[in-house]
Structure formats: C-alpha cells, structure tokens
Amino acid sequence: MSEHLTVPQLRRATQQTQEWLKELATHEPLETEDQAYSYLRAVLHAIRDRLTVTEASHLAQQLPMVVRGFYYEGWRPSLAPYSIETKDDFLRQVESSLGGTTSGGGEVDLHAGTMAVLAFLTEQLQEGTLQHVKQQLPDELVQMFHEAVPA
C-alpha cells in the first residue's frame, strides 16, 4: 500500500526545513539561511558518507523531508562507508561538498561553520540516533561533536 503525500504535508515539510535553516543561521559564524543550507548539506553529506548504508538510512529518518532529499543527493551507497578517519579528512569532505558554493554573505571559516552544524544537529536529533551515528565514527570525529557542544 503506497502512502500519498498531500499538499498540506508538503507545505509543512517545506516550513519545517525553513525553520531548521533559520535556526541554524543563528549559530555563529553562520549568518544567513543560504550559508546554513550550504553548511548543513555539506556536513550531512560528510557524515552520511562515513556511515554504513543502514545507519545512514536511520539518520535520514530523523531529518525533515526536504532535508532528507538533499541529504541523499549524490549519494553512492555502494561506496559506503568512505574512509574518513580524521578531523582533517572530515573537513576536506565538507569542503568538497561545499564546492565553493556558500552564497548569501561573507566567507565562513570551514571549521567554525562545520562545528556550528554539529552543534545544531546535536540539538535537533534524538539522542539515540546521535549515539548510533557516533558509534560508527572514529574517535577524532566523535570528539568534534563533543567540542561543538561544550558541557
């Protein structure tokens, strides 16, 4: 039995994504929703690429529908998980996914923008989902999540 998306559900999904981007844009150094979109997309891609197919799918279930769409954009599950072992590897992956396309304001420091997204995801995702994601990441990447949200 297939489930059909209604227009009100589509409006709500779009609104929820806009709320996420607006909220993320309040996390320094991000200032605009365009920057928030670019960084959210790039960081989610870097996380997704480091996860197994099963765990990447579980993470997707926690994302708003429109965010889930750009999360899966360009994904090649047959290559998962990628060998992203260090903080530098992760930041290079984020930078690659950004592709120089952070519109809507001045330049954002790559490390600071990435950390802003990790802090935001820590706020937005269910604790169980976040723990499953962290279990698949090397210690250096788990440490980035901890640094993003100081105790």
N, C-alpha and C. Protein backbone atom coordinates (compact mmCIF):
# COMPACT_ATOMS: atom_id res chain seq x y z
N MET A 1 0.84 -1.17 0.00
CA MET A 1 0.00 0.00 0.00
C MET A 1 0.89 1.24 0.00
N SER A 2 0.71 2.12 -0.97
CA SER A 2 1.54 3.31 -1.04
C SER A 2 0.87 4.46 -0.30
N GLU A 3 1.71 5.27 0.31
CA GLU A 3 1.23 6.42 1.04
C GLU A 3 1.42 7.64 0.15
N HIS A 4 0.38 8.46 0.03
CA HIS A 4 0.46 9.64 -0.83
C HIS A 4 0.68 10.88 0.01
N LEU A 5 1.57 11.71 -0.44
CA LEU A 5 1.86 12.97 0.22
C LEU A 5 0.80 13.98 -0.19
N THR A 6 0.23 14.65 0.78
CA THR A 6 -0.77 15.67 0.47
C THR A 6 -0.09 17.03 0.39
N VAL A 7 -0.77 17.98 -0.23
CA VAL A 7 -0.23 19.33 -0.35
C VAL A 7 0.02 19.95 1.03
N PRO A 8 -0.91 19.82 1.99
CA PRO A 8 -0.60 20.36 3.33
C PRO A 8 0.65 19.72 3.96
N GLN A 9 0.86 18.42 3.74
CA GLN A 9 2.06 17.77 4.27
C GLN A 9 3.31 18.32 3.60
N LEU A 10 3.22 18.58 2.31
CA LEU A 10 4.35 19.14 1.58
C LEU A 10 4.65 20.56 2.08
N ARG A 11 3.61 21.35 2.31
CA ARG A 11 3.82 22.70 2.87
C ARG A 11 4.49 22.62 4.23
N ARG A 12 4.04 21.69 5.06
CA ARG A 12 4.61 21.53 6.40
C ARG A 12 6.08 21.10 6.31
N ALA A 13 6.39 20.22 5.39
CA ALA A 13 7.78 19.77 5.22
C ALA A 13 8.68 20.94 4.80
N THR A 14 8.18 21.77 3.91
CA THR A 14 8.93 22.94 3.47
C THR A 14 9.10 23.92 4.62
N GLN A 15 8.05 24.14 5.37
CA GLN A 15 8.10 25.05 6.52
C GLN A 15 9.10 24.55 7.56
N GLN A 16 9.09 23.25 7.83
CA GLN A 16 9.99 22.68 8.81
C GLN A 16 11.45 22.87 8.38
N THR A 17 11.71 22.70 7.10
CA THR A 17 13.07 22.91 6.59
C THR A 17 13.48 24.37 6.73
N GLN A 18 12.57 25.27 6.41
CA GLN A 18 12.87 26.70 6.56
C GLN A 18 13.13 27.04 8.03
N GLU A 19 12.39 26.42 8.94
CA GLU A 19 12.62 26.63 10.37
C GLU A 19 14.02 26.14 10.77
N TRP A 20 14.40 24.98 10.26
CA TRP A 20 15.74 24.46 10.55
C TRP A 20 16.80 25.44 10.06
N LEU A 21 16.67 25.92 8.82
CA LEU A 21 17.68 26.83 8.26
C LEU A 21 17.72 28.15 9.01
N LYS A 22 16.57 28.66 9.36
CA LYS A 22 16.51 29.91 10.13
C LYS A 22 17.19 29.74 11.49
N GLU A 23 16.92 28.63 12.15
CA GLU A 23 17.55 28.35 13.46
C GLU A 23 19.05 28.15 13.31
N LEU A 24 19.47 27.39 12.32
CA LEU A 24 20.89 27.15 12.11
C LEU A 24 21.62 28.45 11.80
N ALA A 25 20.98 29.36 11.10
CA ALA A 25 21.61 30.64 10.76
C ALA A 25 21.89 31.51 11.99
N THR A 26 21.35 31.14 13.14
CA THR A 26 21.64 31.87 14.38
C THR A 26 22.88 31.32 15.08
N HIS A 27 23.43 30.24 14.58
CA HIS A 27 24.63 29.63 15.15
C HIS A 27 25.86 30.25 14.49
N GLU A 28 26.63 31.01 15.27
CA GLU A 28 27.83 31.64 14.71
C GLU A 28 28.80 30.59 14.22
N PRO A 29 29.47 30.83 13.13
CA PRO A 29 29.61 32.07 12.38
C PRO A 29 28.58 32.21 11.25
N LEU A 30 27.63 31.29 11.16
CA LEU A 30 26.63 31.37 10.11
C LEU A 30 25.73 32.57 10.36
N GLU A 31 25.36 33.25 9.28
CA GLU A 31 24.56 34.47 9.41
C GLU A 31 23.31 34.46 8.56
N THR A 32 23.31 33.65 7.50
CA THR A 32 22.18 33.66 6.58
C THR A 32 21.65 32.25 6.37
N GLU A 33 20.44 32.16 5.91
CA GLU A 33 19.86 30.86 5.61
C GLU A 33 20.58 30.19 4.45
N ASP A 34 21.12 30.97 3.53
CA ASP A 34 21.90 30.40 2.42
C ASP A 34 23.15 29.71 2.95
N GLN A 35 23.84 30.37 3.87
CA GLN A 35 25.03 29.75 4.48
C GLN A 35 24.63 28.51 5.27
N ALA A 36 23.52 28.62 6.01
CA ALA A 36 23.04 27.48 6.80
C ALA A 36 22.75 26.30 5.90
N TYR A 37 22.09 26.53 4.78
CA TYR A 37 21.78 25.46 3.83
C TYR A 37 23.07 24.81 3.32
N SER A 38 24.02 25.64 2.87
CA SER A 38 25.25 25.12 2.29
C SER A 38 26.01 24.26 3.29
N TYR A 39 26.13 24.75 4.51
CA TYR A 39 26.87 24.00 5.52
C TYR A 39 26.11 22.78 6.02
N LEU A 40 24.81 22.90 6.21
CA LEU A 40 24.03 21.74 6.64
C LEU A 40 24.15 20.61 5.62
N ARG A 41 23.98 20.95 4.37
CA ARG A 41 24.08 19.96 3.29
C ARG A 41 25.46 19.31 3.27
N ALA A 42 26.51 20.13 3.34
CA ALA A 42 27.88 19.61 3.25
C ALA A 42 28.23 18.73 4.45
N VAL A 43 27.86 19.14 5.64
CA VAL A 43 28.18 18.36 6.83
C VAL A 43 27.38 17.07 6.85
N LEU A 44 26.10 17.15 6.48
CA LEU A 44 25.30 15.92 6.42
C LEU A 44 25.88 14.94 5.40
N HIS A 45 26.35 15.45 4.27
CA HIS A 45 26.96 14.57 3.27
C HIS A 45 28.21 13.90 3.84
N ALA A 46 29.04 14.66 4.56
CA ALA A 46 30.27 14.09 5.12
C ALA A 46 29.95 13.03 6.17
N ILE A 47 28.94 13.29 6.99
CA ILE A 47 28.53 12.29 7.99
C ILE A 47 27.97 11.06 7.28
N ARG A 48 27.05 11.29 6.37
CA ARG A 48 26.41 10.19 5.62
C ARG A 48 27.45 9.30 4.96
N ASP A 49 28.46 9.93 4.36
CA ASP A 49 29.45 9.17 3.62
C ASP A 49 30.32 8.30 4.53
N ARG A 50 30.37 8.61 5.82
CA ARG A 50 31.18 7.83 6.76
C ARG A 50 30.39 6.69 7.39
N LEU A 51 29.06 6.69 7.22
CA LEU A 51 28.19 5.69 7.85
C LEU A 51 27.93 4.50 6.93
N THR A 52 27.54 3.39 7.54
CA THR A 52 27.07 2.26 6.75
C THR A 52 25.74 2.66 6.11
N VAL A 53 25.32 1.94 5.11
CA VAL A 53 24.06 2.22 4.43
C VAL A 53 22.90 2.18 5.43
N THR A 54 22.89 1.18 6.30
CA THR A 54 21.81 1.04 7.28
C THR A 54 21.77 2.23 8.22
N GLU A 55 22.90 2.62 8.75
CA GLU A 55 22.93 3.74 9.70
C GLU A 55 22.63 5.06 8.99
N ALA A 56 23.10 5.22 7.76
CA ALA A 56 22.78 6.44 7.00
C ALA A 56 21.27 6.56 6.81
N SER A 57 20.61 5.44 6.57
CA SER A 57 19.15 5.43 6.40
C SER A 57 18.44 5.76 7.70
N HIS A 58 18.95 5.25 8.82
CA HIS A 58 18.35 5.56 10.12
C HIS A 58 18.47 7.05 10.43
N LEU A 59 19.62 7.63 10.13
CA LEU A 59 19.80 9.07 10.33
C LEU A 59 18.81 9.86 9.47
N ALA A 60 18.65 9.44 8.23
CA ALA A 60 17.73 10.15 7.32
C ALA A 60 16.32 10.21 7.87
N GLN A 61 15.90 9.19 8.58
CA GLN A 61 14.54 9.16 9.13
C GLN A 61 14.31 10.26 10.15
N GLN A 62 15.37 10.80 10.73
CA GLN A 62 15.25 11.87 11.73
C GLN A 62 15.25 13.26 11.11
N LEU A 63 15.45 13.34 9.83
CA LEU A 63 15.55 14.63 9.15
C LEU A 63 14.22 15.05 8.56
N PRO A 64 13.95 16.36 8.53
CA PRO A 64 12.75 16.82 7.82
C PRO A 64 12.79 16.34 6.37
N MET A 65 11.64 16.14 5.79
CA MET A 65 11.54 15.54 4.46
C MET A 65 12.40 16.24 3.41
N VAL A 66 12.39 17.55 3.35
CA VAL A 66 13.16 18.26 2.34
C VAL A 66 14.66 18.13 2.63
N VAL A 67 15.04 18.19 3.90
CA VAL A 67 16.44 18.00 4.28
C VAL A 67 16.87 16.59 3.88
N ARG A 68 16.00 15.62 4.10
CA ARG A 68 16.28 14.24 3.70
C ARG A 68 16.58 14.16 2.22
N GLY A 69 15.87 14.95 1.43
CA GLY A 69 16.11 14.96 -0.02
C GLY A 69 17.52 15.40 -0.37
N PHE A 70 17.98 16.50 0.23
CA PHE A 70 19.33 16.93 -0.12
C PHE A 70 20.40 16.13 0.62
N TYR A 71 20.03 15.46 1.69
CA TYR A 71 20.93 14.52 2.37
C TYR A 71 21.30 13.38 1.41
N TYR A 72 20.31 12.86 0.71
CA TYR A 72 20.54 11.73 -0.20
C TYR A 72 21.12 12.16 -1.55
N GLU A 73 21.08 13.45 -1.86
CA GLU A 73 21.55 13.95 -3.15
C GLU A 73 22.99 13.53 -3.42
N GLY A 74 23.20 12.88 -4.54
CA GLY A 74 24.55 12.49 -4.97
C GLY A 74 25.15 11.30 -4.24
N TRP A 75 24.37 10.65 -3.39
CA TRP A 75 24.90 9.55 -2.58
C TRP A 75 25.17 8.33 -3.44
N ARG A 76 26.26 7.66 -3.16
CA ARG A 76 26.60 6.41 -3.84
C ARG A 76 26.75 5.33 -2.76
N PRO A 77 25.63 4.70 -2.37
CA PRO A 77 25.66 3.74 -1.26
C PRO A 77 26.63 2.58 -1.48
N SER A 78 26.91 2.24 -2.73
CA SER A 78 27.83 1.13 -2.99
C SER A 78 29.25 1.45 -2.51
N LEU A 79 29.55 2.73 -2.28
CA LEU A 79 30.87 3.14 -1.81
C LEU A 79 30.93 3.32 -0.29
N ALA A 80 29.78 3.21 0.37
CA ALA A 80 29.71 3.47 1.81
C ALA A 80 30.23 2.29 2.61
N PRO A 81 30.85 2.54 3.74
CA PRO A 81 31.26 3.85 4.23
C PRO A 81 32.61 4.27 3.65
N TYR A 82 32.76 5.58 3.43
CA TYR A 82 34.02 6.13 2.94
C TYR A 82 35.06 6.07 4.05
N SER A 83 36.30 6.14 3.66
CA SER A 83 37.39 6.15 4.64
C SER A 83 37.66 7.59 5.07
N ILE A 84 36.90 8.04 6.05
CA ILE A 84 37.08 9.37 6.64
C ILE A 84 37.47 9.10 8.08
N GLU A 85 38.76 9.18 8.39
CA GLU A 85 39.25 8.74 9.69
C GLU A 85 39.64 9.86 10.64
N THR A 86 39.99 11.03 10.08
CA THR A 86 40.50 12.11 10.92
C THR A 86 39.64 13.36 10.76
N LYS A 87 39.85 14.29 11.67
CA LYS A 87 39.18 15.59 11.59
C LYS A 87 39.51 16.27 10.26
N ASP A 88 40.78 16.21 9.86
CA ASP A 88 41.17 16.82 8.59
C ASP A 88 40.47 16.16 7.41
N ASP A 89 40.37 14.82 7.42
CA ASP A 89 39.63 14.11 6.36
C ASP A 89 38.19 14.61 6.31
N PHE A 90 37.57 14.72 7.49
CA PHE A 90 36.18 15.14 7.57
C PHE A 90 36.00 16.55 7.02
N LEU A 91 36.88 17.46 7.44
CA LEU A 91 36.79 18.85 6.97
C LEU A 91 37.02 18.94 5.46
N ARG A 92 37.94 18.12 4.93
CA ARG A 92 38.15 18.09 3.47
C ARG A 92 36.87 17.61 2.76
N GLN A 93 36.20 16.63 3.35
CA GLN A 93 34.96 16.12 2.76
C GLN A 93 33.88 17.21 2.77
N VAL A 94 33.78 17.93 3.88
CA VAL A 94 32.82 19.04 3.97
C VAL A 94 33.15 20.09 2.91
N GLU A 95 34.43 20.45 2.83
CA GLU A 95 34.86 21.46 1.86
C GLU A 95 34.55 21.02 0.43
N SER A 96 34.78 19.75 0.15
CA SER A 96 34.49 19.21 -1.18
C SER A 96 33.00 19.30 -1.49
N SER A 97 32.18 18.98 -0.51
CA SER A 97 30.73 19.04 -0.70
C SER A 97 30.24 20.48 -0.84
N LEU A 98 30.91 21.41 -0.15
CA LEU A 98 30.57 22.82 -0.31
C LEU A 98 30.85 23.27 -1.74
N GLY A 99 31.94 22.80 -2.29
CA GLY A 99 32.29 23.12 -3.68
C GLY A 99 32.40 24.61 -3.94
N GLY A 100 32.73 25.39 -2.92
CA GLY A 100 32.86 26.84 -3.11
C GLY A 100 31.53 27.54 -3.27
N THR A 101 30.44 26.91 -2.84
CA THR A 101 29.12 27.50 -3.05
C THR A 101 28.44 27.89 -1.74
N THR A 102 29.06 28.78 -1.00
CA THR A 102 28.39 29.31 0.19
C THR A 102 27.95 30.73 -0.13
N SER A 103 26.75 30.84 -0.62
CA SER A 103 26.23 32.14 -1.01
C SER A 103 25.57 32.83 0.17
N GLY A 104 25.17 34.05 -0.04
CA GLY A 104 24.37 34.74 0.95
C GLY A 104 25.17 35.29 2.11
N GLY A 105 26.25 35.96 1.85
CA GLY A 105 27.02 36.56 2.92
C GLY A 105 28.49 36.35 2.69
N GLY A 106 29.29 36.77 3.66
CA GLY A 106 30.73 36.66 3.54
C GLY A 106 31.20 35.23 3.72
N GLU A 107 32.51 35.07 3.60
CA GLU A 107 33.13 33.77 3.78
C GLU A 107 32.94 33.28 5.22
N VAL A 108 32.71 32.01 5.34
CA VAL A 108 32.57 31.39 6.65
C VAL A 108 33.76 30.46 6.83
N ASP A 109 34.41 30.55 8.00
CA ASP A 109 35.51 29.66 8.31
C ASP A 109 35.01 28.22 8.27
N LEU A 110 35.70 27.36 7.54
CA LEU A 110 35.27 25.97 7.33
C LEU A 110 35.09 25.23 8.65
N HIS A 111 36.06 25.32 9.52
CA HIS A 111 35.98 24.61 10.81
C HIS A 111 34.83 25.16 11.64
N ALA A 112 34.72 26.47 11.75
CA ALA A 112 33.67 27.07 12.57
C ALA A 112 32.28 26.78 12.02
N GLY A 113 32.13 26.83 10.70
CA GLY A 113 30.83 26.51 10.09
C GLY A 113 30.45 25.07 10.32
N THR A 114 31.43 24.17 10.20
CA THR A 114 31.18 22.75 10.44
C THR A 114 30.78 22.51 11.88
N MET A 115 31.47 23.13 12.81
CA MET A 115 31.16 22.96 14.23
C MET A 115 29.77 23.50 14.56
N ALA A 116 29.37 24.59 13.91
CA ALA A 116 28.03 25.14 14.12
C ALA A 116 26.97 24.12 13.72
N VAL A 117 27.19 23.43 12.61
CA VAL A 117 26.23 22.41 12.16
C VAL A 117 26.23 21.22 13.12
N LEU A 118 27.39 20.79 13.57
CA LEU A 118 27.44 19.67 14.51
C LEU A 118 26.69 20.01 15.80
N ALA A 119 26.86 21.24 16.28
CA ALA A 119 26.13 21.67 17.48
C ALA A 119 24.63 21.66 17.21
N PHE A 120 24.22 22.16 16.06
CA PHE A 120 22.81 22.20 15.68
C PHE A 120 22.23 20.79 15.59
N LEU A 121 22.94 19.89 14.94
CA LEU A 121 22.45 18.51 14.81
C LEU A 121 22.33 17.85 16.18
N THR A 122 23.24 18.16 17.08
CA THR A 122 23.17 17.62 18.43
C THR A 122 21.89 18.08 19.13
N GLU A 123 21.48 19.31 18.86
CA GLU A 123 20.23 19.85 19.42
C GLU A 123 19.00 19.21 18.78
N GLN A 124 19.06 18.94 17.49
CA GLN A 124 17.87 18.55 16.73
C GLN A 124 17.61 17.05 16.70
N LEU A 125 18.65 16.24 16.73
CA LEU A 125 18.48 14.80 16.56
C LEU A 125 18.18 14.13 17.90
N GLN A 126 17.43 13.06 17.83
CA GLN A 126 17.16 12.28 19.03
C GLN A 126 18.47 11.70 19.54
N GLU A 127 18.60 11.65 20.86
CA GLU A 127 19.84 11.17 21.48
C GLU A 127 20.23 9.77 20.99
N GLY A 128 19.26 8.88 20.86
CA GLY A 128 19.55 7.52 20.40
C GLY A 128 20.14 7.51 19.01
N THR A 129 19.59 8.31 18.12
CA THR A 129 20.10 8.40 16.75
C THR A 129 21.53 8.93 16.76
N LEU A 130 21.75 9.97 17.55
CA LEU A 130 23.07 10.56 17.63
C LEU A 130 24.09 9.56 18.17
N GLN A 131 23.71 8.78 19.15
CA GLN A 131 24.61 7.76 19.71
C GLN A 131 24.96 6.70 18.67
N HIS A 132 23.97 6.28 17.88
CA HIS A 132 24.23 5.29 16.82
C HIS A 132 25.20 5.85 15.78
N VAL A 133 25.02 7.12 15.43
CA VAL A 133 25.92 7.75 14.48
C VAL A 133 27.34 7.77 15.05
N LYS A 134 27.46 8.23 16.29
CA LYS A 134 28.79 8.34 16.91
C LYS A 134 29.48 6.99 17.03
N GLN A 135 28.71 5.91 17.23
CA GLN A 135 29.31 4.58 17.34
C GLN A 135 30.00 4.16 16.05
N GLN A 136 29.60 4.75 14.93
CA GLN A 136 30.21 4.39 13.64
C GLN A 136 31.36 5.31 13.26
N LEU A 137 31.59 6.34 14.05
CA LEU A 137 32.63 7.31 13.71
C LEU A 137 33.91 7.04 14.49
N PRO A 138 35.06 7.36 13.88
CA PRO A 138 36.32 7.27 14.61
C PRO A 138 36.31 8.28 15.77
N ASP A 139 37.14 8.01 16.77
CA ASP A 139 37.18 8.85 17.98
C ASP A 139 37.38 10.33 17.66
N GLU A 140 38.22 10.63 16.69
CA GLU A 140 38.51 12.02 16.36
C GLU A 140 37.26 12.76 15.88
N LEU A 141 36.38 12.05 15.17
CA LEU A 141 35.14 12.68 14.69
C LEU A 141 34.11 12.79 15.82
N VAL A 142 34.07 11.80 16.68
CA VAL A 142 33.19 11.87 17.85
C VAL A 142 33.60 13.07 18.71
N GLN A 143 34.89 13.27 18.85
CA GLN A 143 35.40 14.40 19.63
C GLN A 143 34.92 15.73 19.06
N MET A 144 34.78 15.82 17.74
CA MET A 144 34.28 17.06 17.13
C MET A 144 32.87 17.37 17.63
N PHE A 145 32.02 16.35 17.76
CA PHE A 145 30.67 16.57 18.29
C PHE A 145 30.76 17.11 19.72
N HIS A 146 31.65 16.53 20.53
CA HIS A 146 31.80 16.98 21.92
C HIS A 146 32.32 18.41 21.98
N GLU A 147 33.26 18.75 21.11
CA GLU A 147 33.79 20.11 21.07
C GLU A 147 32.74 21.11 20.60
N ALA A 148 31.83 20.66 19.75
CA ALA A 148 30.80 21.56 19.21
C ALA A 148 29.80 21.97 20.29
N VAL A 149 29.61 21.10 21.28
CA VAL A 149 28.65 21.38 22.35
C VAL A 149 29.38 21.21 23.68
N PRO A 150 30.10 22.25 24.11
CA PRO A 150 30.83 22.14 25.36
C PRO A 150 29.85 21.96 26.53
N ALA A 151 30.29 21.20 27.52
CA ALA A 151 29.44 20.90 28.69
C ALA A 151 29.18 22.12 29.53
